[in-house]
C-alpha cells in the first residue's frame, strides 16, 4: 500500500497537511518510544536500518513520518505496529 505525504515548505520550515500532524510539541518520551519501535521493526538490510532519523509527524493510525538526517532531505513514511 502506498501512502502519500503532503508537505508545504515555508521559509525552510515544513508544514504537514492533513491527515498528518507535527510531533514537535510531543514530549521526549513519546519521541523516544517511537524511535525504539522503529528500531525494533527495521531489520538489518532495510533501507532505513542504521540511518539517523527524527520523528516529525503522525498520520492516521500507526503511520509516522521520520526525517532522515543524512543531508539527503528525505522523509520516510513508516507504518509502525506499536498500537
C-alpha atoms as a PDB file:
ATOM      1  CA  UNK A   1       0.000   0.000   0.000  1.00  0.00           C
ATOM      2  CA  UNK A   2       1.384   3.380  -0.941  1.00  0.00           C
ATOM      3  CA  UNK A   3       0.951   6.360   1.383  1.00  0.00           C
ATOM      4  CA  UNK A   4       1.301   9.894   0.121  1.00  0.00           C
ATOM      5  CA  UNK A   5       2.541  12.763   2.224  1.00  0.00           C
ATOM      6  CA  UNK A   6       1.618  16.338   1.532  1.00  0.00           C
ATOM      7  CA  UNK A   7       4.279  18.823   2.548  1.00  0.00           C
ATOM      8  CA  UNK A   8       4.460  22.542   2.113  1.00  0.00           C
ATOM      9  CA  UNK A   9       7.788  24.232   2.548  1.00  0.00           C
ATOM     10  CA  UNK A  10       7.554  27.738   4.003  1.00  0.00           C
ATOM     11  CA  UNK A  11      10.814  29.580   4.513  1.00  0.00           C
ATOM     12  CA  UNK A  12      12.750  26.386   5.198  1.00  0.00           C
ATOM     13  CA  UNK A  13      10.055  25.023   7.525  1.00  0.00           C
ATOM     14  CA  UNK A  14       7.939  22.003   6.642  1.00  0.00           C
ATOM     15  CA  UNK A  15       4.194  22.272   7.148  1.00  0.00           C
ATOM     16  CA  UNK A  16       2.392  18.939   7.194  1.00  0.00           C
ATOM     17  CA  UNK A  17      -1.031  18.778   5.609  1.00  0.00           C
ATOM     18  CA  UNK A  18      -3.922  16.559   6.754  1.00  0.00           C
ATOM     19  CA  UNK A  19      -4.038  13.826   7.813  1.00  0.00           C
ATOM     20  CA  UNK A  20      -0.517  14.474   9.116  1.00  0.00           C
ATOM     21  CA  UNK A  21       0.272  16.440  12.256  1.00  0.00           C
ATOM     22  CA  UNK A  22       3.561  17.631  13.655  1.00  0.00           C
ATOM     23  CA  UNK A  23       5.060  15.880  16.662  1.00  0.00           C
ATOM     24  CA  UNK A  24       7.047  18.985  17.556  1.00  0.00           C
ATOM     25  CA  UNK A  25       5.081  19.552  20.782  1.00  0.00           C
ATOM     26  CA  UNK A  26       5.033  15.904  21.882  1.00  0.00           C
ATOM     27  CA  UNK A  27       7.267  15.142  24.863  1.00  0.00           C
ATOM     28  CA  UNK A  28      10.664  13.460  24.605  1.00  0.00           C
ATOM     29  CA  UNK A  29       9.310  10.148  25.986  1.00  0.00           C
ATOM     30  CA  UNK A  30       6.887   9.911  23.067  1.00  0.00           C
ATOM     31  CA  UNK A  31       9.667  10.578  20.556  1.00  0.00           C
ATOM     32  CA  UNK A  32      11.937   8.038  22.250  1.00  0.00           C
ATOM     33  CA  UNK A  33       9.217   5.354  22.276  1.00  0.00           C
ATOM     34  CA  UNK A  34       8.558   5.863  18.555  1.00  0.00           C
ATOM     35  CA  UNK A  35      12.282   5.699  17.767  1.00  0.00           C
ATOM     36  CA  UNK A  36      12.665   2.496  19.814  1.00  0.00           C
ATOM     37  CA  UNK A  37       9.702   0.962  17.996  1.00  0.00           C
ATOM     38  CA  UNK A  38      11.261   1.883  14.661  1.00  0.00           C
ATOM     39  CA  UNK A  39      14.496   0.187  15.734  1.00  0.00           C
ATOM     40  CA  UNK A  40      12.549  -2.963  16.651  1.00  0.00           C
ATOM     41  CA  UNK A  41      10.717  -3.092  13.330  1.00  0.00           C
ATOM     42  CA  UNK A  42      13.519  -2.208  10.896  1.00  0.00           C
ATOM     43  CA  UNK A  43      15.808  -5.209  10.330  1.00  0.00           C
ATOM     44  CA  UNK A  44      19.389  -5.184   9.013  1.00  0.00           C
ATOM     45  CA  UNK A  45      19.313  -4.780   5.242  1.00  0.00           C
ATOM     46  CA  UNK A  46      16.274  -2.481   5.284  1.00  0.00           C
ATOM     47  CA  UNK A  47      16.782   0.936   3.677  1.00  0.00           C
ATOM     48  CA  UNK A  48      16.231   2.743   6.989  1.00  0.00           C
ATOM     49  CA  UNK A  49      18.413   0.449   9.086  1.00  0.00           C
ATOM     50  CA  UNK A  50      21.117   2.394  10.907  1.00  0.00           C
ATOM     51  CA  UNK A  51      20.187   5.764   9.426  1.00  0.00           C
ATOM     52  CA  UNK A  52      19.901   8.748  11.753  1.00  0.00           C
ATOM     53  CA  UNK A  53      16.237   9.783  11.902  1.00  0.00           C
ATOM     54  CA  UNK A  54      13.962  12.177  13.736  1.00  0.00           C
ATOM     55  CA  UNK A  55      10.212  11.765  14.195  1.00  0.00           C
ATOM     56  CA  UNK A  56       8.455  14.771  12.653  1.00  0.00           C
ATOM     57  CA  UNK A  57       4.847  13.711  12.160  1.00  0.00           C
ATOM     58  CA  UNK A  58       1.980  11.348  12.849  1.00  0.00           C
ATOM     59  CA  UNK A  59      -0.786  10.385  10.482  1.00  0.00           C
ATOM     60  CA  UNK A  60      -3.867   8.232  10.696  1.00  0.00           C
ATOM     61  CA  UNK A  61      -3.475   5.196  12.912  1.00  0.00           C
ATOM     62  CA  UNK A  62       0.086   3.968  13.237  1.00  0.00           C
ATOM     63  CA  UNK A  63       1.651   5.985  10.427  1.00  0.00           C
ATOM     64  CA  UNK A  64       4.699   8.055  11.297  1.00  0.00           C
ATOM     65  CA  UNK A  65       6.975  10.410   9.396  1.00  0.00           C
ATOM     66  CA  UNK A  66      10.691  10.256  10.058  1.00  0.00           C
ATOM     67  CA  UNK A  67      13.092  12.827   8.679  1.00  0.00           C
ATOM     68  CA  UNK A  68      16.293  11.103   7.562  1.00  0.00           C
ATOM     69  CA  UNK A  69      19.167  13.150   8.974  1.00  0.00           C
ATOM     70  CA  UNK A  70      21.845  12.280   6.429  1.00  0.00           C
ATOM     71  CA  UNK A  71      21.697  15.500   4.409  1.00  0.00           C
ATOM     72  CA  UNK A  72      19.528  13.938   1.688  1.00  0.00           C
ATOM     73  CA  UNK A  73      16.366  15.905   2.615  1.00  0.00           C
ATOM     74  CA  UNK A  74      14.364  12.666   2.595  1.00  0.00           C
ATOM     75  CA  UNK A  75      11.354  11.773   4.710  1.00  0.00           C
ATOM     76  CA  UNK A  76      10.242   8.194   5.329  1.00  0.00           C
ATOM     77  CA  UNK A  77       6.622   7.170   5.830  1.00  0.00           C
ATOM     78  CA  UNK A  78       6.583   4.238   8.262  1.00  0.00           C
ATOM     79  CA  UNK A  79       3.634   2.143   9.405  1.00  0.00           C
ATOM     80  CA  UNK A  80       4.577   1.154  12.966  1.00  0.00           C
ATOM     81  CA  UNK A  81       2.856  -1.800  14.602  1.00  0.00           C
ATOM     82  CA  UNK A  82       3.062  -0.238  18.061  1.00  0.00           C
ATOM     83  CA  UNK A  83      -0.664   0.032  18.693  1.00  0.00           C
END
